Protein backbone atom coordinates (compact mmCIF):
# COMPACT_ATOMS: atom_id res chain seq x y z
CA UNK A 1 -13.95 -4.32 22.77
CA UNK A 2 -12.41 -1.83 20.38
CA UNK A 3 -10.79 1.30 21.77
CA UNK A 4 -13.36 3.89 20.73
CA UNK A 5 -16.21 1.77 22.11
CA UNK A 6 -14.65 2.11 25.57
CA UNK A 7 -14.67 5.91 25.44
CA UNK A 8 -17.61 7.86 26.82
CA UNK A 9 -19.69 10.06 24.52
CA UNK A 10 -18.26 13.07 26.34
CA UNK A 11 -14.67 11.97 25.75
CA UNK A 12 -15.33 11.31 22.07
CA UNK A 13 -17.02 14.68 21.67
CA UNK A 14 -14.07 16.43 23.29
CA UNK A 15 -11.69 14.72 20.88
CA UNK A 16 -13.85 15.84 17.97
CA UNK A 17 -13.75 19.45 19.19
CA UNK A 18 -9.95 19.28 19.39
CA UNK A 19 -9.69 17.71 15.94
CA UNK A 20 -11.96 20.26 14.29
CA UNK A 21 -9.98 23.05 15.92
CA UNK A 22 -6.98 21.90 13.89
CA UNK A 23 -8.97 22.55 10.69
CA UNK A 24 -9.33 26.26 11.42
CA UNK A 25 -5.58 26.87 11.27
CA UNK A 26 -4.73 23.61 9.64
CA UNK A 27 -2.05 21.66 11.48
CA UNK A 28 -3.22 18.13 10.72
CA UNK A 29 0.19 17.18 9.33
CA UNK A 30 3.76 18.51 9.55
CA UNK A 31 3.14 20.93 6.69
CA UNK A 32 1.06 23.12 9.03
CA UNK A 33 -0.48 24.99 6.09
CA UNK A 34 -2.33 27.27 8.50
CA UNK A 35 -5.40 27.71 6.28
CA UNK A 36 -8.96 27.81 7.61
CA UNK A 37 -10.51 24.80 5.91
CA UNK A 38 -13.87 25.55 7.52
CA UNK A 39 -13.95 28.88 5.62
CA UNK A 40 -13.35 27.53 2.13
CA UNK A 41 -9.56 27.65 2.19
CA UNK A 42 -7.42 24.72 1.11
CA UNK A 43 -3.79 23.89 1.73
CA UNK A 44 -1.45 21.34 0.21
CA UNK A 45 -3.99 18.49 0.28
CA UNK A 46 -6.68 20.50 -1.50
CA UNK A 47 -9.50 19.21 0.73
CA UNK A 48 -11.99 21.34 2.65
CA UNK A 49 -13.86 20.25 5.79
CA UNK A 50 -16.10 17.53 4.37
CA UNK A 51 -15.10 13.91 3.72
CA UNK A 52 -13.97 13.06 0.21
CA UNK A 53 -13.60 9.41 -0.78
CA UNK A 54 -12.84 7.53 -3.98
CA UNK A 55 -14.04 4.03 -3.17
CA UNK A 56 -14.82 1.55 -0.41
CA UNK A 57 -15.44 -2.16 0.03
CA UNK A 58 -13.96 -5.43 1.28
CA UNK A 59 -10.26 -5.59 0.35
CA UNK A 60 -8.41 -8.91 0.08
CA UNK A 61 -5.00 -7.58 -0.95
CA UNK A 62 -3.96 -6.23 2.43
CA UNK A 63 -1.76 -7.95 5.02
CA UNK A 64 -3.04 -11.31 6.20
CA UNK A 65 -3.89 -10.19 9.77
CA UNK A 66 -6.24 -7.59 8.30
CA UNK A 67 -7.89 -9.64 5.57
CA UNK A 68 -8.98 -12.82 7.32
CA UNK A 69 -11.84 -14.62 5.61
CA UNK A 70 -14.13 -11.71 4.74
CA UNK A 71 -11.71 -8.92 3.93
CA UNK A 72 -10.58 -5.59 5.32
CA UNK A 73 -13.26 -2.89 5.17
CA UNK A 74 -11.24 -0.40 3.19
CA UNK A 75 -12.15 3.24 2.51
CA UNK A 76 -9.87 5.11 0.09
CA UNK A 77 -9.88 8.83 0.86
CA UNK A 78 -9.19 11.36 -1.87
CA UNK A 79 -6.04 13.47 -2.07
CA UNK A 80 -2.99 13.18 0.20
CA UNK A 81 -0.56 15.19 2.32
CA UNK A 82 2.37 13.67 0.40
CA UNK A 83 3.47 14.31 -3.17
CA UNK A 84 5.08 11.01 -4.18
CA UNK A 85 6.18 11.09 -7.82
CA UNK A 86 5.74 7.30 -8.05
CA UNK A 87 2.35 6.99 -6.35
CA UNK A 88 0.53 3.83 -7.39
CA UNK A 89 -2.83 5.41 -6.50
CA UNK A 90 -2.05 8.75 -8.15
CA UNK A 91 -5.51 9.15 -9.67
CA UNK A 92 -6.85 9.30 -6.11
CA UNK A 93 -4.01 11.08 -4.33
CA UNK A 94 -3.03 13.62 -7.01
CA UNK A 95 -5.84 13.73 -9.57
CA UNK A 96 -8.62 14.10 -6.97
CA UNK A 97 -10.57 11.01 -8.00
CA UNK A 98 -13.53 10.64 -5.69
CA UNK A 99 -16.57 12.50 -4.43
CA UNK A 100 -17.35 14.72 -1.49
CA UNK A 101 -19.80 13.01 0.84
CA UNK A 102 -21.60 13.90 4.05
CA UNK A 103 -20.55 12.77 7.51
CA UNK A 104 -23.73 10.72 7.68
CA UNK A 105 -22.94 8.99 4.38
CA UNK A 106 -19.45 8.08 5.57
CA UNK A 107 -20.90 6.68 8.79
CA UNK A 108 -23.27 4.52 6.74
CA UNK A 109 -20.33 3.30 4.64
CA UNK A 110 -18.61 2.10 7.80
CA UNK A 111 -21.75 0.33 8.98
CA UNK A 112 -22.27 -1.24 5.54
CA UNK A 113 -18.74 -2.65 5.64
CA UNK A 114 -19.46 -4.14 9.05
CA UNK A 115 -22.71 -5.65 7.75
CA UNK A 116 -20.75 -7.22 4.85
CA UNK A 117 -18.64 -9.11 7.39
CA UNK A 118 -15.41 -7.13 7.10
CA UNK A 119 -13.02 -7.59 10.00
CA UNK A 120 -12.02 -3.94 10.43
CA UNK A 121 -12.48 -0.41 9.11
CA UNK A 122 -9.34 0.37 7.13
CA UNK A 123 -8.89 4.13 6.64
CA UNK A 124 -6.54 4.63 3.68
CA UNK A 125 -4.80 8.04 3.56
CA UNK A 126 -6.79 9.52 6.46
CA UNK A 127 -4.28 12.09 7.77
CA UNK A 128 -5.67 15.19 6.06
CA UNK A 129 -9.30 14.16 6.69
CA UNK A 130 -8.99 12.96 10.28
CA UNK A 131 -11.56 15.34 11.88
CA UNK A 132 -14.22 14.50 9.31
CA UNK A 133 -13.53 10.78 9.72
CA UNK A 134 -13.76 11.13 13.49
CA UNK A 135 -17.16 12.82 13.27
CA UNK A 136 -18.48 9.98 11.09
CA UNK A 137 -16.92 7.33 13.32
CA UNK A 138 -18.74 8.73 16.35
CA UNK A 139 -22.02 8.67 14.42
CA UNK A 140 -21.39 5.08 13.30
CA UNK A 141 -20.43 3.98 16.81
CA UNK A 142 -23.73 5.35 18.13
CA UNK A 143 -25.47 3.13 15.54
CA UNK A 144 -23.60 -0.04 16.47
CA UNK A 145 -20.18 0.05 14.82
CA UNK A 146 -17.69 -2.00 16.83
CA UNK A 147 -14.96 -3.06 14.38
CA UNK A 148 -11.28 -2.26 15.00
CA UNK A 149 -10.07 0.93 13.32
CA UNK A 150 -6.97 0.66 11.11
CA UNK A 151 -5.17 3.97 10.48
CA UNK A 152 -3.46 3.32 7.13
CA UNK A 153 -1.31 6.43 6.65
CA UNK A 154 1.82 7.71 4.93
CA UNK A 155 3.89 8.29 8.05
CA UNK A 156 4.02 12.08 7.63
CA UNK A 157 2.00 12.74 10.76
CA UNK A 158 1.42 15.45 13.35
CA UNK A 159 1.99 14.47 16.97
CA UNK A 160 -0.85 16.81 17.94
CA UNK A 161 -3.26 14.93 15.68
CA UNK A 162 -2.01 11.54 16.85
CA UNK A 163 -2.60 12.56 20.47
CA UNK A 164 -6.27 13.11 19.65
CA UNK A 165 -6.47 9.62 18.15
CA UNK A 166 -5.24 7.89 21.30
CA UNK A 167 -7.91 5.45 22.43
CA UNK A 168 -9.67 5.61 19.06
CA UNK A 169 -7.28 3.87 16.67
CA UNK A 170 -6.77 0.17 17.31
CA UNK A 171 -4.19 -0.64 14.63
CA UNK A 172 -1.77 1.91 13.26
CA UNK A 173 -0.44 0.95 9.84
CA UNK A 174 1.95 3.70 8.71
CA UNK A 175 4.30 3.67 5.78
CA UNK A 176 7.88 4.39 6.72
CA UNK A 177 8.92 5.48 3.26
CA UNK A 178 12.43 6.85 3.63
CA UNK A 179 15.43 6.56 5.88
CA UNK A 180 16.67 9.94 4.66
CA UNK A 181 14.72 13.21 4.57
CA UNK A 182 16.65 14.62 1.62
CA UNK A 183 15.38 11.73 -0.48
CA UNK A 184 11.87 12.28 0.86
CA UNK A 185 11.99 15.93 -0.18
CA UNK A 186 13.02 14.94 -3.71
CA UNK A 187 10.54 12.14 -4.34
CA UNK A 188 7.62 12.92 -2.00
CA UNK A 189 7.85 16.70 -1.57
CA UNK A 190 8.02 16.14 2.19
CA UNK A 191 10.55 18.20 4.14
CA UNK A 192 11.74 16.50 7.31
CA UNK A 193 9.83 13.32 6.49
CA UNK A 194 12.16 10.88 8.25
CA UNK A 195 12.30 12.83 11.50
CA UNK A 196 8.52 13.25 11.58
CA UNK A 197 7.95 9.58 10.71
CA UNK A 198 10.27 8.44 13.49
CA UNK A 199 8.46 10.59 16.04
CA UNK A 200 5.09 9.39 14.75
CA UNK A 201 6.04 5.70 14.94
CA UNK A 202 7.24 6.13 18.50
CA UNK A 203 3.95 7.76 19.47
CA UNK A 204 1.89 5.13 17.67
CA UNK A 205 3.78 2.34 19.41
CA UNK A 206 3.38 4.07 22.76
CA UNK A 207 -0.38 4.13 22.22
CA UNK A 208 -1.00 0.61 20.89
CA UNK A 209 2.20 -1.46 21.37
CA UNK A 210 3.22 -4.45 19.24
CA UNK A 211 0.66 -6.08 16.98
CA UNK A 212 -1.77 -8.38 18.81
CA UNK A 213 -3.70 -11.10 16.96
CA UNK A 214 -6.82 -12.89 18.12
CA UNK A 215 -7.47 -16.64 17.96
CA UNK A 216 -8.36 -16.30 14.26
CA UNK A 217 -5.07 -14.60 13.44
CA UNK A 218 -6.76 -11.22 12.96
CA UNK A 219 -5.20 -7.97 14.14
CA UNK A 220 -7.03 -6.43 17.07
CA UNK A 221 -4.49 -3.86 18.26
CA UNK A 222 -0.95 -2.68 17.66
CA UNK A 223 1.54 -1.34 15.15
CA UNK A 224 2.08 -2.70 11.65
CA UNK A 225 4.71 -0.91 9.53
CA UNK A 226 4.95 -0.92 5.74
CA UNK A 227 8.11 -0.10 3.82
CA UNK A 228 8.22 -0.04 0.03
CA UNK A 229 11.63 -1.08 -1.28
CA UNK A 230 12.81 1.23 -4.07
CA UNK A 231 15.41 0.72 -6.83
CA UNK A 232 19.03 1.41 -5.85
CA UNK A 233 17.99 1.55 -2.19
CA UNK A 234 16.48 5.02 -2.58
CA UNK A 235 14.18 4.28 0.35
CA UNK A 236 17.10 3.71 2.74
CA UNK A 237 15.79 0.35 3.85
CA UNK A 238 18.69 -0.48 6.16
CA UNK A 239 18.28 2.77 8.10
CA UNK A 240 14.53 2.24 8.36
CA UNK A 241 14.84 -1.30 9.69
CA UNK A 242 17.63 -0.38 12.10
CA UNK A 243 15.51 2.40 13.59
CA UNK A 244 12.52 0.11 14.07
CA UNK A 245 14.62 -2.64 15.64
CA UNK A 246 16.48 -0.33 18.02
CA UNK A 247 13.95 2.37 18.86
CA UNK A 248 10.53 0.80 18.38
CA UNK A 249 10.53 -2.96 19.00
CA UNK A 250 12.18 -6.11 17.69
CA UNK A 251 8.66 -7.58 17.68
CA UNK A 252 7.34 -5.00 15.20
CA UNK A 253 5.23 -6.55 12.43
CA UNK A 254 6.83 -5.18 9.28
CA UNK A 255 5.93 -5.65 5.65
CA UNK A 256 8.93 -5.14 3.32
CA UNK A 257 7.04 -4.63 0.08
CA UNK A 258 8.51 -5.71 -3.25
CA UNK A 259 5.72 -4.58 -5.57
CA UNK A 260 7.26 -1.30 -6.69
CA UNK A 261 6.56 -0.50 -10.32
CA UNK A 262 6.86 2.83 -12.13
CA UNK A 263 3.68 4.92 -11.93
CA UNK A 264 2.61 8.53 -12.30
CA UNK A 265 5.80 10.57 -12.98
CA UNK A 266 8.33 7.89 -12.03
CA UNK A 267 9.73 7.81 -15.57
CA UNK A 268 11.08 11.33 -14.96
CA UNK A 269 13.19 10.18 -12.01
CA UNK A 270 15.58 7.34 -12.90
CA UNK A 271 16.13 4.79 -11.41
CA UNK A 272 12.46 4.97 -10.38
CA UNK A 273 11.64 4.29 -14.03
CA UNK A 274 12.22 0.55 -13.55
CA UNK A 275 11.14 -2.27 -11.25
CA UNK A 276 13.28 -3.84 -8.55
CA UNK A 277 15.89 -6.42 -9.42
CA UNK A 278 15.90 -9.72 -7.59
CA UNK A 279 19.24 -8.76 -6.04
CA UNK A 280 17.84 -5.50 -4.67
CA UNK A 281 14.97 -7.32 -3.03
CA UNK A 282 17.22 -10.00 -1.54
CA UNK A 283 19.54 -7.32 -0.19
CA UNK A 284 16.64 -5.56 1.48
CA UNK A 285 15.40 -8.78 3.05
């Protein structure tokens, strides 16, 4: 049984109250913009207090333990709490591609993905929309949703928000983008990124532990970390991997991704204006 299905309606409602409280003086991520998103104010992410999504459907390009035979039930949420100059989904994260939908509509999307046979609900870039997602998840659970929840985030997370998600998220799948916060400030407009990501990964692992697969090889619970290798080791891969090995777990499921290609404004920031060399990838591995 998935985590949120074990929680009582009262416990889920209390978590929703706590999450929505964070919207009134927004502290959903380390930026702590402090705006009242329930009163028409927006902070860095530019999103109010209703869900906003760009697309959804079965996804077969995710990690194997998520995809299985019928795909990962992926929902791409609009906007982001990071400002990556090389974002490969920049039309969604920066250009606001997507539509505002109701909580009920988002709940129906989750149920539709379950009906299509997807193995999980994969929330892509959920950090800045967590309370709205939680409201819809509770509605969907009351109507029969029982798939594992994958929290597919950028790693720039608030410990206060993560505490609310304990017992709800089954699989945390954060990016760990940078081993150095100065680099993160330059390329993702994220002050203190590395320190916040380290604290977030520790909390995620405390909640769900190492990745657990069922008899079909599908992820049912645990931590799965993504790290995008960048040209000239701008991502600080060695520092990232050392931290995970020493302070998280040697059994951490980690995807060292080699698919970097210049997108959005990457051409303005050499060497991000080129793809990886084979040597750079081999060095990272």
